[in-house]
C-alpha atoms as a PDB file:
ATOM      1  CA  MET A   1      21.032 137.137  55.328  1.00  0.00           C
ATOM      2  CA  SER A   2      18.913 138.088  58.208  1.00  0.00           C
ATOM      3  CA  ALA A   3      15.941 141.026  57.781  1.00  0.00           C
ATOM      4  CA  ASP A   4      17.211 142.770  59.868  1.00  0.00           C
ATOM      5  CA  ALA A   5      20.492 143.323  58.151  1.00  0.00           C
ATOM      6  CA  SER A   6      18.875 142.800  54.988  1.00  0.00           C
ATOM      7  CA  ARG A   7      16.746 146.096  55.817  1.00  0.00           C
ATOM      8  CA  SER A   8      20.412 147.978  57.263  1.00  0.00           C
ATOM      9  CA  ARG A   9      21.614 147.699  53.994  1.00  0.00           C
ATOM     10  CA  LEU A  10      18.622 149.206  52.311  1.00  0.00           C
ATOM     11  CA  LEU A  11      18.442 151.872  54.937  1.00  0.00           C
ATOM     12  CA  VAL A  12      21.938 153.128  54.957  1.00  0.00           C
ATOM     13  CA  ALA A  13      22.513 152.593  50.986  1.00  0.00           C
ATOM     14  CA  VAL A  14      18.704 155.044  51.018  1.00  0.00           C
ATOM     15  CA  VAL A  15      19.691 157.060  53.454  1.00  0.00           C
ATOM     16  CA  ALA A  16      22.882 158.428  53.219  1.00  0.00           C
ATOM     17  CA  PRO A  17      22.789 159.619  49.409  1.00  0.00           C
ATOM     18  CA  LEU A  18      18.928 161.302  50.660  1.00  0.00           C
ATOM     19  CA  THR A  19      21.111 163.035  53.403  1.00  0.00           C
ATOM     20  CA  LEU A  20      23.040 164.308  51.386  1.00  0.00           C
ATOM     21  CA  PHE A  21      20.260 165.917  48.365  1.00  0.00           C
ATOM     22  CA  VAL A  22      18.233 167.261  51.731  1.00  0.00           C
ATOM     23  CA  ALA A  23      21.239 169.108  53.331  1.00  0.00           C
ATOM     24  CA  PHE A  24      21.747 170.569  49.779  1.00  0.00           C
ATOM     25  CA  ALA A  25      17.985 171.623  49.235  1.00  0.00           C
ATOM     26  CA  VAL A  26      17.969 172.763  52.831  1.00  0.00           C
ATOM     27  CA  ALA A  27      21.241 174.945  52.525  1.00  0.00           C
ATOM     28  CA  GLN A  28      20.000 176.198  49.512  1.00  0.00           C
ATOM     29  CA  SER A  29      16.448 177.109  50.392  1.00  0.00           C
ATOM     30  CA  THR A  30      16.912 178.504  53.170  1.00  0.00           C
ATOM     31  CA  GLY A  31      20.641 180.441  52.566  1.00  0.00           C
ATOM     32  CA  VAL A  32      21.127 179.024  56.265  1.00  0.00           C
ATOM     33  CA  ARG A  33      24.439 176.691  55.446  1.00  0.00           C
ATOM     34  CA  ALA A  34      24.476 175.697  59.131  1.00  0.00           C
ATOM     35  CA  LEU A  35      21.231 174.039  58.765  1.00  0.00           C
ATOM     36  CA  GLY A  36      22.331 171.576  55.956  1.00  0.00           C
ATOM     37  CA  ALA A  37      25.377 170.705  58.276  1.00  0.00           C
ATOM     38  CA  VAL A  38      23.364 169.922  61.070  1.00  0.00           C
ATOM     39  CA  ILE A  39      21.583 167.520  58.533  1.00  0.00           C
ATOM     40  CA  LEU A  40      24.685 166.395  57.123  1.00  0.00           C
ATOM     41  CA  LEU A  41      25.647 165.049  60.739  1.00  0.00           C
ATOM     42  CA  VAL A  42      22.228 163.849  61.592  1.00  0.00           C
ATOM     43  CA  GLY A  43      22.117 161.609  58.969  1.00  0.00           C
ATOM     44  CA  GLY A  44      25.461 160.747  58.683  1.00  0.00           C
ATOM     45  CA  LEU A  45      26.186 159.936  62.151  1.00  0.00           C
ATOM     46  CA  TRP A  46      22.497 157.352  62.006  1.00  0.00           C
ATOM     47  CA  CYS A  47      23.671 155.982  58.896  1.00  0.00           C
ATOM     48  CA  ALA A  48      27.398 155.094  60.674  1.00  0.00           C
ATOM     49  CA  VAL A  49      25.581 153.171  63.654  1.00  0.00           C
ATOM     50  CA  THR A  50      23.580 151.366  61.436  1.00  0.00           C
ATOM     51  CA  MET A  51      26.202 149.922  59.573  1.00  0.00           C
ATOM     52  CA  TRP A  52      28.602 149.842  62.076  1.00  0.00           C
ATOM     53  CA  ARG A  53      26.344 147.406  64.076  1.00  0.00           C
ATOM     54  CA  ALA A  54      25.405 145.347  60.422  1.00  0.00           C
ATOM     55  CA  VAL A  55      28.783 145.090  58.918  1.00  0.00           C
ATOM     56  CA  GLY A  56      31.103 146.268  61.555  1.00  0.00           C
ATOM     57  CA  TRP A  57      34.114 149.198  61.402  1.00  0.00           C
ATOM     58  CA  TRP A  58      36.114 148.630  58.414  1.00  0.00           C
ATOM     59  CA  ARG A  59      33.434 149.438  56.006  1.00  0.00           C
ATOM     60  CA  THR A  60      31.556 151.690  57.933  1.00  0.00           C
ATOM     61  CA  VAL A  61      34.801 153.643  57.852  1.00  0.00           C
ATOM     62  CA  VAL A  62      35.083 153.590  54.075  1.00  0.00           C
ATOM     63  CA  VAL A  63      31.261 154.006  53.359  1.00  0.00           C
ATOM     64  CA  GLY A  64      31.800 157.333  56.175  1.00  0.00           C
ATOM     65  CA  VAL A  65      34.619 158.721  54.185  1.00  0.00           C
ATOM     66  CA  ALA A  66      33.250 158.087  50.984  1.00  0.00           C
ATOM     67  CA  PHE A  67      30.481 160.351  52.176  1.00  0.00           C
ATOM     68  CA  ALA A  68      33.009 163.079  53.706  1.00  0.00           C
ATOM     69  CA  ALA A  69      34.931 162.826  50.131  1.00  0.00           C
ATOM     70  CA  ALA A  70      31.557 163.289  48.054  1.00  0.00           C
ATOM     71  CA  PHE A  71      30.296 165.948  50.003  1.00  0.00           C
ATOM     72  CA  VAL A  72      33.488 168.220  49.659  1.00  0.00           C
ATOM     73  CA  LEU A  73      33.833 167.022  45.941  1.00  0.00           C
ATOM     74  CA  SER A  74      30.484 167.948  44.931  1.00  0.00           C
ATOM     75  CA  HIS A  75      31.760 171.677  45.406  1.00  0.00           C
ATOM     76  CA  PRO A  76      34.539 171.920  42.450  1.00  0.00           C
ATOM     77  CA  LEU A  77      32.115 169.848  40.386  1.00  0.00           C
ATOM     78  CA  GLY A  78      29.735 171.280  40.947  1.00  0.00           C
ATOM     79  CA  ASN A  79      31.326 173.978  39.006  1.00  0.00           C
ATOM     80  CA  VAL A  80      31.730 172.142  36.567  1.00  0.00           C
ATOM     81  CA  ILE A  81      28.451 170.518  35.931  1.00  0.00           C
ATOM     82  CA  GLY A  82      25.773 172.236  38.153  1.00  0.00           C
ATOM     83  CA  SER A  83      25.393 172.230  41.855  1.00  0.00           C
ATOM     84  CA  TRP A  84      22.299 169.917  41.630  1.00  0.00           C
ATOM     85  CA  PRO A  85      23.600 167.284  38.935  1.00  0.00           C
ATOM     86  CA  ALA A  86      26.895 167.502  41.172  1.00  0.00           C
ATOM     87  CA  VAL A  87      24.771 166.413  44.326  1.00  0.00           C
ATOM     88  CA  LEU A  88      23.047 164.056  42.708  1.00  0.00           C
ATOM     89  CA  ALA A  89      26.125 162.443  41.124  1.00  0.00           C
ATOM     90  CA  VAL A  90      27.983 162.232  44.692  1.00  0.00           C
ATOM     91  CA  ALA A  91      24.888 161.111  45.913  1.00  0.00           C
ATOM     92  CA  VAL A  92      24.511 158.284  43.870  1.00  0.00           C
ATOM     93  CA  VAL A  93      28.157 156.904  44.271  1.00  0.00           C
ATOM     94  CA  VAL A  94      27.571 157.070  47.409  1.00  0.00           C
ATOM     95  CA  GLY A  95      24.243 155.141  48.173  1.00  0.00           C
ATOM     96  CA  VAL A  96      25.501 152.437  45.687  1.00  0.00           C
ATOM     97  CA  LEU A  97      29.043 151.929  48.011  1.00  0.00           C
ATOM     98  CA  ALA A  98      27.203 151.458  50.391  1.00  0.00           C
ATOM     99  CA  TRP A  99      25.163 149.026  49.230  1.00  0.00           C
ATOM    100  CA  VAL A 100      27.743 147.296  47.698  1.00  0.00           C
ATOM    101  CA  LEU A 101      29.568 147.327  51.380  1.00  0.00           C
ATOM    102  CA  GLY A 102      26.586 147.210  53.020  1.00  0.00           C
ATOM    103  CA  ARG A 103      26.628 143.053  52.429  1.00  0.00           C
ATOM    104  CA  PRO A 104      27.296 141.429  55.762  1.00  0.00           C
ATOM    105  CA  ALA A 105      30.699 139.780  56.126  1.00  0.00           C
ATOM    106  CA  ASP A 106      29.977 136.469  56.922  1.00  0.00           C
ATOM    107  CA  LEU A 107      27.280 135.868  53.643  1.00  0.00           C
ATOM    108  CA  GLY A 108      28.556 133.141  51.528  1.00  0.00           C
ATOM    109  CA  ARG A 109      30.024 131.414  54.044  1.00  0.00           C
ATOM    110  CA  ALA A 110      29.391 127.984  54.526  1.00  0.00           C
ATOM    111  CA  SER A 111      28.599 127.211  58.169  1.00  0.00           C
ATOM    112  CA  ALA A 112      29.678 124.212  60.532  1.00  0.00           C
END
């Protein structure tokens, strides 16, 4: 795996869950939900562009859908386990998924 691909994989696996966490923290602490939404959009788009360049479209779409689903599911989950634990839980899932799918597609293939 190239250094760039490895770095992209790590960055997306860290930035995606942090985006969920920071967006919630900002929205809750300021009371301005739109500010949290802006953070979600910017962080999500950065991750999508970075991941797309590293591994292609289908893995990026899977992680993007998981990111959006995690945001949506954190709300009802928050009613059950509490807001912060719910955000932490979905952020961990997104981070792990981004790490697993962030592996370049050609890794492990024999070179001719």
